[in-house]
PDB file of N, CA and C in Angstrom:
ATOM      1  N   UNK A   1      11.819-288.713  23.344  1.00  0.00           N
ATOM      2  CA  UNK A   1      12.139-288.239  24.495  1.00  0.00           C
ATOM      3  C   UNK A   1      12.435-289.336  25.431  1.00  0.00           C
ATOM      4  N   UNK A   2      12.058-290.601  25.305  1.00  0.00           N
ATOM      5  CA  UNK A   2      12.582-291.737  25.895  1.00  0.00           C
ATOM      6  C   UNK A   2      13.976-291.816  25.495  1.00  0.00           C
ATOM      7  N   UNK A   3      14.578-291.742  24.366  1.00  0.00           N
ATOM      8  CA  UNK A   3      15.722-291.913  24.043  1.00  0.00           C
ATOM      9  C   UNK A   3      16.808-291.076  24.757  1.00  0.00           C
ATOM     10  N   UNK A   4      16.417-289.790  24.721  1.00  0.00           N
ATOM     11  CA  UNK A   4      17.270-288.781  25.443  1.00  0.00           C
ATOM     12  C   UNK A   4      17.343-289.270  27.113  1.00  0.00           C
ATOM     13  N   UNK A   5      16.156-289.757  27.496  1.00  0.00           N
ATOM     14  CA  UNK A   5      16.168-290.009  29.117  1.00  0.00           C
ATOM     15  C   UNK A   5      17.377-291.240  29.165  1.00  0.00           C
ATOM     16  N   UNK A   6      17.094-292.273  28.438  1.00  0.00           N
ATOM     17  CA  UNK A   6      17.928-293.310  28.337  1.00  0.00           C
ATOM     18  C   UNK A   6      19.281-293.068  28.313  1.00  0.00           C
ATOM     19  N   UNK A   7      19.611-292.092  27.327  1.00  0.00           N
ATOM     20  CA  UNK A   7      21.135-291.790  27.063  1.00  0.00           C
ATOM     21  C   UNK A   7      21.529-291.032  28.176  1.00  0.00           C
ATOM     22  N   UNK A   8      20.654-290.083  29.082  1.00  0.00           N
ATOM     23  CA  UNK A   8      21.202-289.442  30.203  1.00  0.00           C
ATOM     24  C   UNK A   8      21.444-290.423  31.287  1.00  0.00           C
ATOM     25  N   UNK A   9      20.718-291.434  31.603  1.00  0.00           N
ATOM     26  CA  UNK A   9      21.010-292.206  32.561  1.00  0.00           C
ATOM     27  C   UNK A   9      22.271-293.174  32.089  1.00  0.00           C
ATOM     28  N   UNK A  10      22.427-293.528  30.708  1.00  0.00           N
ATOM     29  CA  UNK A  10      23.642-294.324  30.687  1.00  0.00           C
ATOM     30  C   UNK A  10      24.874-293.474  30.740  1.00  0.00           C
ATOM     31  N   UNK A  11      24.885-292.084  30.442  1.00  0.00           N
ATOM     32  CA  UNK A  11      25.687-291.206  30.861  1.00  0.00           C
ATOM     33  C   UNK A  11      26.106-291.260  32.233  1.00  0.00           C
ATOM     34  N   UNK A  12      25.195-290.942  32.924  1.00  0.00           N
ATOM     35  CA  UNK A  12      25.429-290.731  34.480  1.00  0.00           C
ATOM     36  C   UNK A  12      26.247-292.148  35.268  1.00  0.00           C
ATOM     37  N   UNK A  13      25.559-293.253  34.775  1.00  0.00           N
ATOM     38  CA  UNK A  13      26.021-294.612  35.011  1.00  0.00           C
ATOM     39  C   UNK A  13      27.277-294.672  34.705  1.00  0.00           C
ATOM     40  N   UNK A  14      27.805-294.196  33.487  1.00  0.00           N
ATOM     41  CA  UNK A  14      29.157-294.732  33.159  1.00  0.00           C
ATOM     42  C   UNK A  14      29.905-293.623  33.719  1.00  0.00           C
ATOM     43  N   UNK A  15      29.553-292.176  34.100  1.00  0.00           N
ATOM     44  CA  UNK A  15      30.141-291.299  34.759  1.00  0.00           C
ATOM     45  C   UNK A  15      30.589-292.040  36.446  1.00  0.00           C
ATOM     46  N   UNK A  16      29.595-292.459  36.887  1.00  0.00           N
ATOM     47  CA  UNK A  16      29.610-293.040  38.171  1.00  0.00           C
ATOM     48  C   UNK A  16      30.759-294.096  38.417  1.00  0.00           C
ATOM     49  N   UNK A  17      30.609-295.035  37.269  1.00  0.00           N
ATOM     50  CA  UNK A  17      31.724-295.942  37.178  1.00  0.00           C
ATOM     51  C   UNK A  17      33.224-295.449  37.058  1.00  0.00           C
ATOM     52  N   UNK A  18      33.324-294.340  36.352  1.00  0.00           N
ATOM     53  CA  UNK A  18      34.693-293.902  36.217  1.00  0.00           C
ATOM     54  C   UNK A  18      35.099-293.006  37.455  1.00  0.00           C
ATOM     55  N   UNK A  19      34.114-292.605  38.175  1.00  0.00           N
ATOM     56  CA  UNK A  19      34.855-291.951  39.315  1.00  0.00           C
ATOM     57  C   UNK A  19      35.081-292.888  40.402  1.00  0.00           C
ATOM     58  N   UNK A  20      34.389-294.352  40.411  1.00  0.00           N
ATOM     59  CA  UNK A  20      34.766-295.172  41.256  1.00  0.00           C
ATOM     60  C   UNK A  20      36.157-295.750  40.935  1.00  0.00           C
ATOM     61  N   UNK A  21      36.481-295.999  39.452  1.00  0.00           N
ATOM     62  CA  UNK A  21      37.717-296.444  39.315  1.00  0.00           C
ATOM     63  C   UNK A  21      38.958-295.189  39.626  1.00  0.00           C
ATOM     64  N   UNK A  22      38.474-294.131  39.714  1.00  0.00           N
ATOM     65  CA  UNK A  22      39.588-293.024  39.988  1.00  0.00           C
ATOM     66  C   UNK A  22      39.790-293.038  41.560  1.00  0.00           C
ATOM     67  N   UNK A  23      39.040-293.830  42.314  1.00  0.00           N
ATOM     68  CA  UNK A  23      39.151-293.627  43.806  1.00  0.00           C
ATOM     69  C   UNK A  23      40.756-294.279  44.321  1.00  0.00           C
ATOM     70  N   UNK A  24      41.299-293.556  45.247  1.00  0.00           N
ATOM     71  CA  UNK A  24      42.733-293.963  45.532  1.00  0.00           C
ATOM     72  C   UNK A  24      42.631-295.359  46.162  1.00  0.00           C
ATOM     73  N   UNK A  25      43.885-296.078  45.687  1.00  0.00           N
ATOM     74  CA  UNK A  25      44.217-297.330  46.221  1.00  0.00           C
ATOM     75  C   UNK A  25      44.484-297.158  47.622  1.00  0.00           C
ATOM     76  N   UNK A  26      44.079-298.411  48.111  1.00  0.00           N
ATOM     77  CA  UNK A  26      44.153-298.352  49.684  1.00  0.00           C
ATOM     78  C   UNK A  26      45.633-298.542  50.122  1.00  0.00           C
ATOM     79  N   UNK A  27      46.127-297.728  51.011  1.00  0.00           N
ATOM     80  CA  UNK A  27      47.535-297.676  51.713  1.00  0.00           C
ATOM     81  C   UNK A  27      47.762-298.923  52.612  1.00  0.00           C
ATOM     82  N   UNK A  28      48.838-299.842  52.400  1.00  0.00           N
ATOM     83  CA  UNK A  28      49.027-300.890  53.248  1.00  0.00           C
ATOM     84  C   UNK A  28      49.763-300.398  54.515  1.00  0.00           C
ATOM     85  N   UNK A  29      50.678-299.041  54.291  1.00  0.00           N
ATOM     86  CA  UNK A  29      51.181-298.863  55.498  1.00  0.00           C
ATOM     87  C   UNK A  29      51.943-297.377  55.290  1.00  0.00           C
ATOM     88  N   UNK A  30      52.060-296.674  56.083  1.00  0.00           N
ATOM     89  CA  UNK A  30      52.570-295.210  56.029  1.00  0.00           C
ATOM     90  C   UNK A  30      53.867-295.193  57.260  1.00  0.00           C
ATOM     91  N   UNK A  31      54.973-294.948  56.539  1.00  0.00           N
ATOM     92  CA  UNK A  31      56.215-294.806  57.155  1.00  0.00           C
ATOM     93  C   UNK A  31      56.126-293.232  58.091  1.00  0.00           C
ATOM     94  N   UNK A  32      56.906-293.161  59.031  1.00  0.00           N
ATOM     95  CA  UNK A  32      57.127-291.947  59.595  1.00  0.00           C
ATOM     96  C   UNK A  32      57.873-290.837  58.562  1.00  0.00           C
ATOM     97  N   UNK A  33      57.459-289.472  58.556  1.00  0.00           N
ATOM     98  CA  UNK A  33      58.227-288.618  57.807  1.00  0.00           C
ATOM     99  C   UNK A  33      59.825-288.642  58.325  1.00  0.00           C
ATOM    100  N   UNK A  34      60.606-288.476  57.297  1.00  0.00           N
ATOM    101  CA  UNK A  34      62.017-288.534  57.443  1.00  0.00           C
ATOM    102  C   UNK A  34      62.640-289.666  57.093  1.00  0.00           C
ATOM    103  N   UNK A  35      61.883-290.825  57.326  1.00  0.00           N
ATOM    104  CA  UNK A  35      62.414-292.172  57.009  1.00  0.00           C
ATOM    105  C   UNK A  35      62.645-292.608  55.691  1.00  0.00           C
ATOM    106  N   UNK A  36      63.799-293.121  55.377  1.00  0.00           N
ATOM    107  CA  UNK A  36      63.897-293.843  54.049  1.00  0.00           C
ATOM    108  C   UNK A  36      63.039-295.060  53.651  1.00  0.00           C
ATOM    109  N   UNK A  37      63.194-295.463  52.528  1.00  0.00           N
ATOM    110  CA  UNK A  37      62.341-296.499  52.200  1.00  0.00           C
ATOM    111  C   UNK A  37      62.634-297.827  52.963  1.00  0.00           C
ATOM    112  N   UNK A  38      63.913-298.212  53.050  1.00  0.00           N
ATOM    113  CA  UNK A  38      64.312-299.462  53.835  1.00  0.00           C
ATOM    114  C   UNK A  38      63.681-299.733  55.410  1.00  0.00           C
ATOM    115  N   UNK A  39      64.044-298.240  56.105  1.00  0.00           N
ATOM    116  CA  UNK A  39      63.571-298.463  57.303  1.00  0.00           C
ATOM    117  C   UNK A  39      62.012-298.575  57.520  1.00  0.00           C
ATOM    118  N   UNK A  40      61.355-297.948  56.550  1.00  0.00           N
ATOM    119  CA  UNK A  40      59.822-297.994  56.568  1.00  0.00           C
ATOM    120  C   UNK A  40      59.392-299.601  56.209  1.00  0.00           C
ATOM    121  N   UNK A  41      60.081-300.246  55.348  1.00  0.00           N
ATOM    122  CA  UNK A  41      59.778-301.714  54.996  1.00  0.00           C
ATOM    123  C   UNK A  41      60.112-302.433  56.157  1.00  0.00           C
ATOM    124  N   UNK A  42      61.235-302.085  57.002  1.00  0.00           N
ATOM    125  CA  UNK A  42      61.576-302.988  58.073  1.00  0.00           C
ATOM    126  C   UNK A  42      60.270-302.768  59.179  1.00  0.00           C
ATOM    127  N   UNK A  43      60.039-301.511  59.390  1.00  0.00           N
ATOM    128  CA  UNK A  43      58.882-301.443  60.285  1.00  0.00           C
ATOM    129  C   UNK A  43      57.655-302.247  59.968  1.00  0.00           C
ATOM    130  N   UNK A  44      57.540-302.257  58.615  1.00  0.00           N
ATOM    131  CA  UNK A  44      56.181-302.945  58.260  1.00  0.00           C
ATOM    132  C   UNK A  44      56.265-304.456  58.511  1.00  0.00           C
ATOM    133  N   UNK A  45      57.548-304.849  58.195  1.00  0.00           N
ATOM    134  CA  UNK A  45      57.661-306.501  58.271  1.00  0.00           C
ATOM    135  C   UNK A  45      58.219-306.948  59.555  1.00  0.00           C
ATOM    136  N   UNK A  46      58.454-305.877  60.316  1.00  0.00           N
ATOM    137  CA  UNK A  46      59.221-306.470  61.752  1.00  0.00           C
ATOM    138  C   UNK A  46      58.801-307.480  62.410  1.00  0.00           C
ATOM    139  N   UNK A  47      57.448-307.849  62.241  1.00  0.00           N
ATOM    140  CA  UNK A  47      57.085-309.118  63.180  1.00  0.00           C
ATOM    141  C   UNK A  47      57.354-310.492  62.314  1.00  0.00           C
ATOM    142  N   UNK A  48      57.441-310.022  61.050  1.00  0.00           N
ATOM    143  CA  UNK A  48      57.869-311.350  60.186  1.00  0.00           C
ATOM    144  C   UNK A  48      59.329-311.781  60.029  1.00  0.00           C
ATOM    145  N   UNK A  49      59.939-310.708  60.303  1.00  0.00           N
ATOM    146  CA  UNK A  49      61.474-310.579  60.168  1.00  0.00           C
ATOM    147  C   UNK A  49      62.206-311.444  61.649  1.00  0.00           C
ATOM    148  N   UNK A  50      61.604-310.990  62.637  1.00  0.00           N
ATOM    149  CA  UNK A  50      62.064-311.605  63.894  1.00  0.00           C
ATOM    150  C   UNK A  50      60.869-311.552  65.007  1.00  0.00           C
ATOM    151  N   UNK A  51      61.103-312.423  65.990  1.00  0.00           N
ATOM    152  CA  UNK A  51      60.081-312.523  67.143  1.00  0.00           C
ATOM    153  C   UNK A  51      60.327-311.345  68.167  1.00  0.00           C
ATOM    154  N   UNK A  52      59.402-311.368  69.012  1.00  0.00           N
ATOM    155  CA  UNK A  52      59.545-310.087  69.967  1.00  0.00           C
ATOM    156  C   UNK A  52      60.865-309.901  70.729  1.00  0.00           C
ATOM    157  N   UNK A  53      61.794-310.802  70.622  1.00  0.00           N
ATOM    158  CA  UNK A  53      62.921-310.889  71.461  1.00  0.00           C
ATOM    159  C   UNK A  53      64.142-310.356  70.489  1.00  0.00           C
ATOM    160  N   UNK A  54      63.674-310.540  68.873  1.00  0.00           N
ATOM    161  CA  UNK A  54      64.828-310.105  68.105  1.00  0.00           C
ATOM    162  C   UNK A  54      65.226-311.378  67.348  1.00  0.00           C
ATOM    163  N   UNK A  55      64.664-312.581  67.750  1.00  0.00           N
ATOM    164  CA  UNK A  55      65.595-313.772  67.224  1.00  0.00           C
ATOM    165  C   UNK A  55      64.808-314.113  65.948  1.00  0.00           C
ATOM    166  N   UNK A  56      65.696-314.849  64.936  1.00  0.00           N
ATOM    167  CA  UNK A  56      65.106-315.201  63.726  1.00  0.00           C
ATOM    168  C   UNK A  56      65.030-316.459  63.288  1.00  0.00           C
ATOM    169  N   UNK A  57      64.580-316.901  62.190  1.00  0.00           N
ATOM    170  CA  UNK A  57      64.587-318.435  61.601  1.00  0.00           C
ATOM    171  C   UNK A  57      65.409-318.544  60.451  1.00  0.00           C
ATOM    172  N   UNK A  58      66.404-317.559  60.118  1.00  0.00           N
ATOM    173  CA  UNK A  58      66.895-317.600  58.765  1.00  0.00           C
ATOM    174  C   UNK A  58      68.443-317.238  59.187  1.00  0.00           C
ATOM    175  N   UNK A  59      69.349-317.718  58.189  1.00  0.00           N
ATOM    176  CA  UNK A  59      70.696-317.426  58.219  1.00  0.00           C
ATOM    177  C   UNK A  59      71.144-316.127  57.724  1.00  0.00           C
ATOM    178  N   UNK A  60      70.334-315.681  56.681  1.00  0.00           N
ATOM    179  CA  UNK A  60      70.764-314.465  55.725  1.00  0.00           C
ATOM    180  C   UNK A  60      69.674-313.653  55.627  1.00  0.00           C
ATOM    181  N   UNK A  61      69.774-312.394  55.794  1.00  0.00           N
ATOM    182  CA  UNK A  61      68.506-311.318  55.467  1.00  0.00           C
ATOM    183  C   UNK A  61      69.267-310.310  54.610  1.00  0.00           C
ATOM    184  N   UNK A  62      68.689-310.330  53.251  1.00  0.00           N
ATOM    185  CA  UNK A  62      69.149-309.174  52.761  1.00  0.00           C
ATOM    186  C   UNK A  62      68.015-308.444  52.040  1.00  0.00           C
ATOM    187  N   UNK A  63      68.287-307.109  52.173  1.00  0.00           N
ATOM    188  CA  UNK A  63      67.241-305.968  51.954  1.00  0.00           C
ATOM    189  C   UNK A  63      67.890-305.144  50.788  1.00  0.00           C
ATOM    190  N   UNK A  64      67.077-305.104  49.582  1.00  0.00           N
ATOM    191  CA  UNK A  64      67.742-304.245  48.373  1.00  0.00           C
ATOM    192  C   UNK A  64      66.549-303.208  48.006  1.00  0.00           C
ATOM    193  N   UNK A  65      67.012-301.972  47.760  1.00  0.00           N
ATOM    194  CA  UNK A  65      66.175-301.078  47.174  1.00  0.00           C
ATOM    195  C   UNK A  65      66.317-300.781  45.843  1.00  0.00           C
ATOM    196  N   UNK A  66      65.465-300.865  45.007  1.00  0.00           N
ATOM    197  CA  UNK A  66      65.462-300.703  43.456  1.00  0.00           C
ATOM    198  C   UNK A  66      64.672-299.518  43.004  1.00  0.00           C
ATOM    199  N   UNK A  67      65.144-298.734  41.965  1.00  0.00           N
ATOM    200  CA  UNK A  67      64.153-297.688  41.484  1.00  0.00           C
ATOM    201  C   UNK A  67      64.700-297.823  39.910  1.00  0.00           C
ATOM    202  N   UNK A  68      63.552-297.203  39.211  1.00  0.00           N
ATOM    203  CA  UNK A  68      63.652-297.333  37.692  1.00  0.00           C
ATOM    204  C   UNK A  68      64.068-295.912  37.284  1.00  0.00           C
ATOM    205  N   UNK A  69      65.194-295.919  36.544  1.00  0.00           N
ATOM    206  CA  UNK A  69      65.742-294.593  36.017  1.00  0.00           C
ATOM    207  C   UNK A  69      65.829-293.324  37.110  1.00  0.00           C
ATOM    208  N   UNK A  70      65.263-292.445  36.890  1.00  0.00           N
ATOM    209  CA  UNK A  70      65.634-291.230  37.599  1.00  0.00           C
ATOM    210  C   UNK A  70      64.500-290.804  38.516  1.00  0.00           C
ATOM    211  N   UNK A  71      63.470-291.736  38.259  1.00  0.00           N
ATOM    212  CA  UNK A  71      62.337-291.495  39.387  1.00  0.00           C
ATOM    213  C   UNK A  71      62.677-291.711  40.731  1.00  0.00           C
ATOM    214  N   UNK A  72      62.715-290.839  41.455  1.00  0.00           N
ATOM    215  CA  UNK A  72      63.119-290.803  43.004  1.00  0.00           C
ATOM    216  C   UNK A  72      61.904-290.992  43.888  1.00  0.00           C
ATOM    217  N   UNK A  73      60.678-290.890  43.330  1.00  0.00           N
ATOM    218  CA  UNK A  73      59.585-290.936  44.038  1.00  0.00           C
ATOM    219  C   UNK A  73      58.843-292.253  44.052  1.00  0.00           C
ATOM    220  N   UNK A  74      59.238-293.135  43.540  1.00  0.00           N
ATOM    221  CA  UNK A  74      58.626-294.542  43.474  1.00  0.00           C
ATOM    222  C   UNK A  74      60.034-295.305  43.587  1.00  0.00           C
ATOM    223  N   UNK A  75      59.941-296.531  44.419  1.00  0.00           N
ATOM    224  CA  UNK A  75      60.899-297.409  44.564  1.00  0.00           C
ATOM    225  C   UNK A  75      60.251-298.883  44.945  1.00  0.00           C
ATOM    226  N   UNK A  76      60.977-299.992  44.517  1.00  0.00           N
ATOM    227  CA  UNK A  76      60.556-301.070  45.059  1.00  0.00           C
ATOM    228  C   UNK A  76      61.695-301.759  45.878  1.00  0.00           C
ATOM    229  N   UNK A  77      61.188-302.376  47.169  1.00  0.00           N
ATOM    230  CA  UNK A  77      62.265-303.106  47.998  1.00  0.00           C
ATOM    231  C   UNK A  77      62.069-304.422  47.989  1.00  0.00           C
ATOM    232  N   UNK A  78      63.003-305.025  47.966  1.00  0.00           N
ATOM    233  CA  UNK A  78      62.988-306.717  47.919  1.00  0.00           C
ATOM    234  C   UNK A  78      63.632-307.179  49.404  1.00  0.00           C
ATOM    235  N   UNK A  79      63.021-307.826  50.093  1.00  0.00           N
ATOM    236  CA  UNK A  79      63.597-308.413  51.258  1.00  0.00           C
ATOM    237  C   UNK A  79      63.369-310.133  50.965  1.00  0.00           C
ATOM    238  N   UNK A  80      64.729-310.579  51.294  1.00  0.00           N
ATOM    239  CA  UNK A  80      64.960-312.015  51.193  1.00  0.00           C
ATOM    240  C   UNK A  80      65.520-312.631  52.657  1.00  0.00           C
ATOM    241  N   UNK A  81      64.729-313.597  53.030  1.00  0.00           N
ATOM    242  CA  UNK A  81      65.175-314.603  54.145  1.00  0.00           C
ATOM    243  C   UNK A  81      65.674-315.850  53.722  1.00  0.00           C
ATOM    244  N   UNK A  82      67.096-315.956  53.690  1.00  0.00           N
ATOM    245  CA  UNK A  82      67.441-317.302  53.380  1.00  0.00           C
ATOM    246  C   UNK A  82      68.182-317.942  54.386  1.00  0.00           C
ATOM    247  N   UNK A  83      68.066-319.346  53.927  1.00  0.00           N
ATOM    248  CA  UNK A  83      68.803-320.393  54.926  1.00  0.00           C
ATOM    249  C   UNK A  83      67.796-320.503  55.942  1.00  0.00           C
ATOM    250  N   UNK A  84      66.450-320.603  55.770  1.00  0.00           N
ATOM    251  CA  UNK A  84      65.561-320.653  56.760  1.00  0.00           C
ATOM    252  C   UNK A  84      65.539-322.256  57.564  1.00  0.00           C
ATOM    253  N   UNK A  85      65.208-322.333  58.761  1.00  0.00           N
ATOM    254  CA  UNK A  85      65.268-323.610  59.436  1.00  0.00           C
ATOM    255  C   UNK A  85      64.041-324.504  58.988  1.00  0.00           C
ATOM    256  N   UNK A  86      63.111-324.008  58.306  1.00  0.00           N
ATOM    257  CA  UNK A  86      62.053-324.830  57.866  1.00  0.00           C
ATOM    258  C   UNK A  86      62.531-325.903  57.190  1.00  0.00           C
ATOM    259  N   UNK A  87      62.129-327.050  56.934  1.00  0.00           N
ATOM    260  CA  UNK A  87      62.446-328.144  56.199  1.00  0.00           C
ATOM    261  C   UNK A  87      61.936-328.149  54.657  1.00  0.00           C
ATOM    262  N   UNK A  88      60.880-327.465  54.555  1.00  0.00           N
ATOM    263  CA  UNK A  88      60.259-327.319  53.399  1.00  0.00           C
ATOM    264  C   UNK A  88      60.710-326.128  52.643  1.00  0.00           C
ATOM    265  N   UNK A  89      61.009-324.917  53.186  1.00  0.00           N
ATOM    266  CA  UNK A  89      61.337-323.706  52.631  1.00  0.00           C
ATOM    267  C   UNK A  89      62.734-323.283  52.668  1.00  0.00           C
ATOM    268  N   UNK A  90      63.249-322.947  51.608  1.00  0.00           N
ATOM    269  CA  UNK A  90      64.633-322.416  51.401  1.00  0.00           C
ATOM    270  C   UNK A  90      64.584-321.017  51.576  1.00  0.00           C
ATOM    271  N   UNK A  91      63.950-320.280  51.064  1.00  0.00           N
ATOM    272  CA  UNK A  91      63.788-318.892  51.238  1.00  0.00           C
ATOM    273  C   UNK A  91      62.565-318.249  51.183  1.00  0.00           C
ATOM    274  N   UNK A  92      62.397-317.388  51.566  1.00  0.00           N
ATOM    275  CA  UNK A  92      61.137-316.503  51.538  1.00  0.00           C
ATOM    276  C   UNK A  92      61.366-315.102  51.166  1.00  0.00           C
ATOM    277  N   UNK A  93      60.717-314.375  50.453  1.00  0.00           N
ATOM    278  CA  UNK A  93      60.665-313.041  49.703  1.00  0.00           C
ATOM    279  C   UNK A  93      59.499-312.184  49.807  1.00  0.00           C
ATOM    280  N   UNK A  94      59.756-310.927  50.029  1.00  0.00           N
ATOM    281  CA  UNK A  94      58.809-309.935  49.843  1.00  0.00           C
ATOM    282  C   UNK A  94      59.253-309.019  48.873  1.00  0.00           C
ATOM    283  N   UNK A  95      58.091-308.426  48.002  1.00  0.00           N
ATOM    284  CA  UNK A  95      58.660-307.389  47.271  1.00  0.00           C
ATOM    285  C   UNK A  95      57.457-306.294  47.541  1.00  0.00           C
ATOM    286  N   UNK A  96      57.975-305.099  47.872  1.00  0.00           N
ATOM    287  CA  UNK A  96      57.131-304.127  48.158  1.00  0.00           C
ATOM    288  C   UNK A  96      57.209-302.915  47.257  1.00  0.00           C
ATOM    289  N   UNK A  97      56.210-302.343  46.903  1.00  0.00           N
ATOM    290  CA  UNK A  97      56.240-300.948  45.932  1.00  0.00           C
ATOM    291  C   UNK A  97      55.773-299.796  46.997  1.00  0.00           C
ATOM    292  N   UNK A  98      56.656-298.547  46.694  1.00  0.00           N
ATOM    293  CA  UNK A  98      56.509-297.577  47.689  1.00  0.00           C
ATOM    294  C   UNK A  98      56.520-296.409  46.743  1.00  0.00           C
ATOM    295  N   UNK A  99      55.852-295.271  47.458  1.00  0.00           N
ATOM    296  CA  UNK A  99      55.615-293.983  46.612  1.00  0.00           C
ATOM    297  C   UNK A  99      55.962-292.981  47.956  1.00  0.00           C
ATOM    298  N   UNK A 100      56.564-291.744  47.445  1.00  0.00           N
ATOM    299  CA  UNK A 100      56.845-290.833  48.716  1.00  0.00           C
ATOM    300  C   UNK A 100      55.529-289.955  48.393  1.00  0.00           C
ATOM    301  N   UNK A 101      55.142-289.327  49.566  1.00  0.00           N
ATOM    302  CA  UNK A 101      54.162-288.183  49.819  1.00  0.00           C
ATOM    303  C   UNK A 101      54.934-287.151  50.754  1.00  0.00           C
ATOM    304  N   UNK A 102      54.310-286.220  50.917  1.00  0.00           N
ATOM    305  CA  UNK A 102      54.829-285.158  51.714  1.00  0.00           C
ATOM    306  C   UNK A 102      55.038-285.579  53.229  1.00  0.00           C
ATOM    307  N   UNK A 103      53.986-286.525  53.668  1.00  0.00           N
ATOM    308  CA  UNK A 103      54.196-287.227  55.026  1.00  0.00           C
ATOM    309  C   UNK A 103      55.204-288.238  55.143  1.00  0.00           C
ATOM    310  N   UNK A 104      55.922-288.546  54.005  1.00  0.00           N
ATOM    311  CA  UNK A 104      56.675-289.708  54.330  1.00  0.00           C
ATOM    312  C   UNK A 104      56.445-291.029  53.054  1.00  0.00           C
ATOM    313  N   UNK A 105      57.117-292.069  53.186  1.00  0.00           N
ATOM    314  CA  UNK A 105      57.241-293.164  52.309  1.00  0.00           C
ATOM    315  C   UNK A 105      55.722-294.018  52.606  1.00  0.00           C
ATOM    316  N   UNK A 106      55.159-294.269  51.718  1.00  0.00           N
ATOM    317  CA  UNK A 106      53.890-295.201  51.837  1.00  0.00           C
ATOM    318  C   UNK A 106      54.076-296.479  50.939  1.00  0.00           C
ATOM    319  N   UNK A 107      53.677-297.624  51.595  1.00  0.00           N
ATOM    320  CA  UNK A 107      53.642-298.810  51.011  1.00  0.00           C
ATOM    321  C   UNK A 107      52.384-299.049  50.224  1.00  0.00           C
ATOM    322  N   UNK A 108      52.340-299.235  48.938  1.00  0.00           N
ATOM    323  CA  UNK A 108      51.241-299.414  47.978  1.00  0.00           C
ATOM    324  C   UNK A 108      51.050-300.911  47.985  1.00  0.00           C
ATOM    325  N   UNK A 109      51.817-301.495  47.956  1.00  0.00           N
ATOM    326  CA  UNK A 109      51.647-303.217  47.891  1.00  0.00           C
ATOM    327  C   UNK A 109      52.722-303.902  48.168  1.00  0.00           C
ATOM    328  N   UNK A 110      52.396-305.157  48.524  1.00  0.00           N
ATOM    329  CA  UNK A 110      53.449-306.233  48.975  1.00  0.00           C
ATOM    330  C   UNK A 110      53.007-307.711  48.738  1.00  0.00           C
ATOM    331  N   UNK A 111      53.828-308.207  47.985  1.00  0.00           N
ATOM    332  CA  UNK A 111      53.975-309.576  47.476  1.00  0.00           C
ATOM    333  C   UNK A 111      54.844-310.592  48.098  1.00  0.00           C
ATOM    334  N   UNK A 112      54.279-311.616  48.587  1.00  0.00           N
ATOM    335  CA  UNK A 112      54.983-312.560  49.221  1.00  0.00           C
ATOM    336  C   UNK A 112      55.306-313.972  48.317  1.00  0.00           C
ATOM    337  N   UNK A 113      56.656-314.459  48.119  1.00  0.00           N
ATOM    338  CA  UNK A 113      56.751-315.716  47.625  1.00  0.00           C
ATOM    339  C   UNK A 113      57.791-316.488  48.237  1.00  0.00           C
ATOM    340  N   UNK A 114      57.920-317.793  47.926  1.00  0.00           N
ATOM    341  CA  UNK A 114      58.706-318.655  48.598  1.00  0.00           C
ATOM    342  C   UNK A 114      59.579-319.326  47.472  1.00  0.00           C
ATOM    343  N   UNK A 115      60.734-319.874  47.887  1.00  0.00           N
ATOM    344  CA  UNK A 115      61.584-320.954  47.276  1.00  0.00           C
ATOM    345  C   UNK A 115      61.594-322.048  48.150  1.00  0.00           C
ATOM    346  N   UNK A 116      61.210-323.149  47.367  1.00  0.00           N
ATOM    347  CA  UNK A 116      60.839-324.399  48.207  1.00  0.00           C
ATOM    348  C   UNK A 116      62.180-325.384  48.202  1.00  0.00           C
ATOM    349  N   UNK A 117      62.393-326.078  49.147  1.00  0.00           N
ATOM    350  CA  UNK A 117      63.625-326.901  49.080  1.00  0.00           C
ATOM    351  C   UNK A 117      63.344-328.312  48.090  1.00  0.00           C
ATOM    352  N   UNK A 118      62.065-328.655  47.995  1.00  0.00           N
ATOM    353  CA  UNK A 118      61.776-329.718  46.938  1.00  0.00           C
ATOM    354  C   UNK A 118      60.772-329.019  45.732  1.00  0.00           C
ATOM    355  N   UNK A 119      60.738-329.970  44.786  1.00  0.00           N
ATOM    356  CA  UNK A 119      59.954-329.100  43.465  1.00  0.00           C
ATOM    357  C   UNK A 119      60.939-328.309  42.414  1.00  0.00           C
ATOM    358  N   UNK A 120      59.989-327.317  42.137  1.00  0.00           N
ATOM    359  CA  UNK A 120      60.888-326.348  41.232  1.00  0.00           C
ATOM    360  C   UNK A 120      61.953-325.373  41.962  1.00  0.00           C
ATOM    361  N   UNK A 121      62.681-324.875  41.325  1.00  0.00           N
ATOM    362  CA  UNK A 121      63.939-324.255  41.677  1.00  0.00           C
ATOM    363  C   UNK A 121      63.570-322.571  41.785  1.00  0.00           C
ATOM    364  N   UNK A 122      62.597-322.096  41.256  1.00  0.00           N
ATOM    365  CA  UNK A 122      62.202-320.813  41.134  1.00  0.00           C
ATOM    366  C   UNK A 122      61.499-320.318  42.443  1.00  0.00           C
ATOM    367  N   UNK A 123      60.925-319.148  42.411  1.00  0.00           N
ATOM    368  CA  UNK A 123      60.248-318.628  43.364  1.00  0.00           C
ATOM    369  C   UNK A 123      58.560-318.745  42.867  1.00  0.00           C
ATOM    370  N   UNK A 124      57.762-319.043  43.953  1.00  0.00           N
ATOM    371  CA  UNK A 124      56.507-319.537  43.842  1.00  0.00           C
ATOM    372  C   UNK A 124      55.689-318.848  44.811  1.00  0.00           C
ATOM    373  N   UNK A 125      54.283-318.524  44.380  1.00  0.00           N
ATOM    374  CA  UNK A 125      53.333-317.687  45.069  1.00  0.00           C
ATOM    375  C   UNK A 125      52.604-318.657  46.024  1.00  0.00           C
ATOM    376  N   UNK A 126      53.010-319.854  45.947  1.00  0.00           N
ATOM    377  CA  UNK A 126      52.269-320.886  46.802  1.00  0.00           C
ATOM    378  C   UNK A 126      53.139-321.543  48.204  1.00  0.00           C
ATOM    379  N   UNK A 127      52.594-321.522  48.958  1.00  0.00           N
ATOM    380  CA  UNK A 127      53.668-322.069  50.258  1.00  0.00           C
ATOM    381  C   UNK A 127      53.902-323.433  50.045  1.00  0.00           C
ATOM    382  N   UNK A 128      55.350-323.868  50.399  1.00  0.00           N
ATOM    383  CA  UNK A 128      55.985-325.041  50.057  1.00  0.00           C
ATOM    384  C   UNK A 128      55.262-325.838  51.083  1.00  0.00           C
ATOM    385  N   UNK A 129      55.408-327.323  50.651  1.00  0.00           N
ATOM    386  CA  UNK A 129      54.829-328.445  51.389  1.00  0.00           C
ATOM    387  C   UNK A 129      56.015-329.281  51.995  1.00  0.00           C
TER     388      UNK A 129
END
C-alpha cells in the first residue's frame, strides 16, 4: 500500500512539473493589429534608436526581416546601428524573434550585442570598454 501511495505522489509531482513546463513564455511586447513586424520592432526599440526629439548617435540604421522557408508566422528582425559616436562601440545590434497571433505580431525574445572598436572583430554579448 505504501508503494502505491509513493507511486501516486511521484506521478502527481511529475505531472505538476510538466504543467509548469507547458506554461506560455512571457511576452516582451505586443504590436498593434495590422502592423508588420518591422514597425512593431521599431515601436519596441524607439527609445533606444532615437532620443525624445528623434536625434540619434549612429551614422547608419539598418533593419532586416528574415524568415525561414515558407513559415510566414515566425520571423526574426535584425536592427543594426553602425558608426556610433561612442569611442568604444563601433556597432550595436538587436536580434528579435516574433510570431503572429490574431491580435498582431508579438516579440518573443530580444538579444542585444555589440561590435567593439578595440579587441575582437566579431559581435559580443559583453558591453565594450
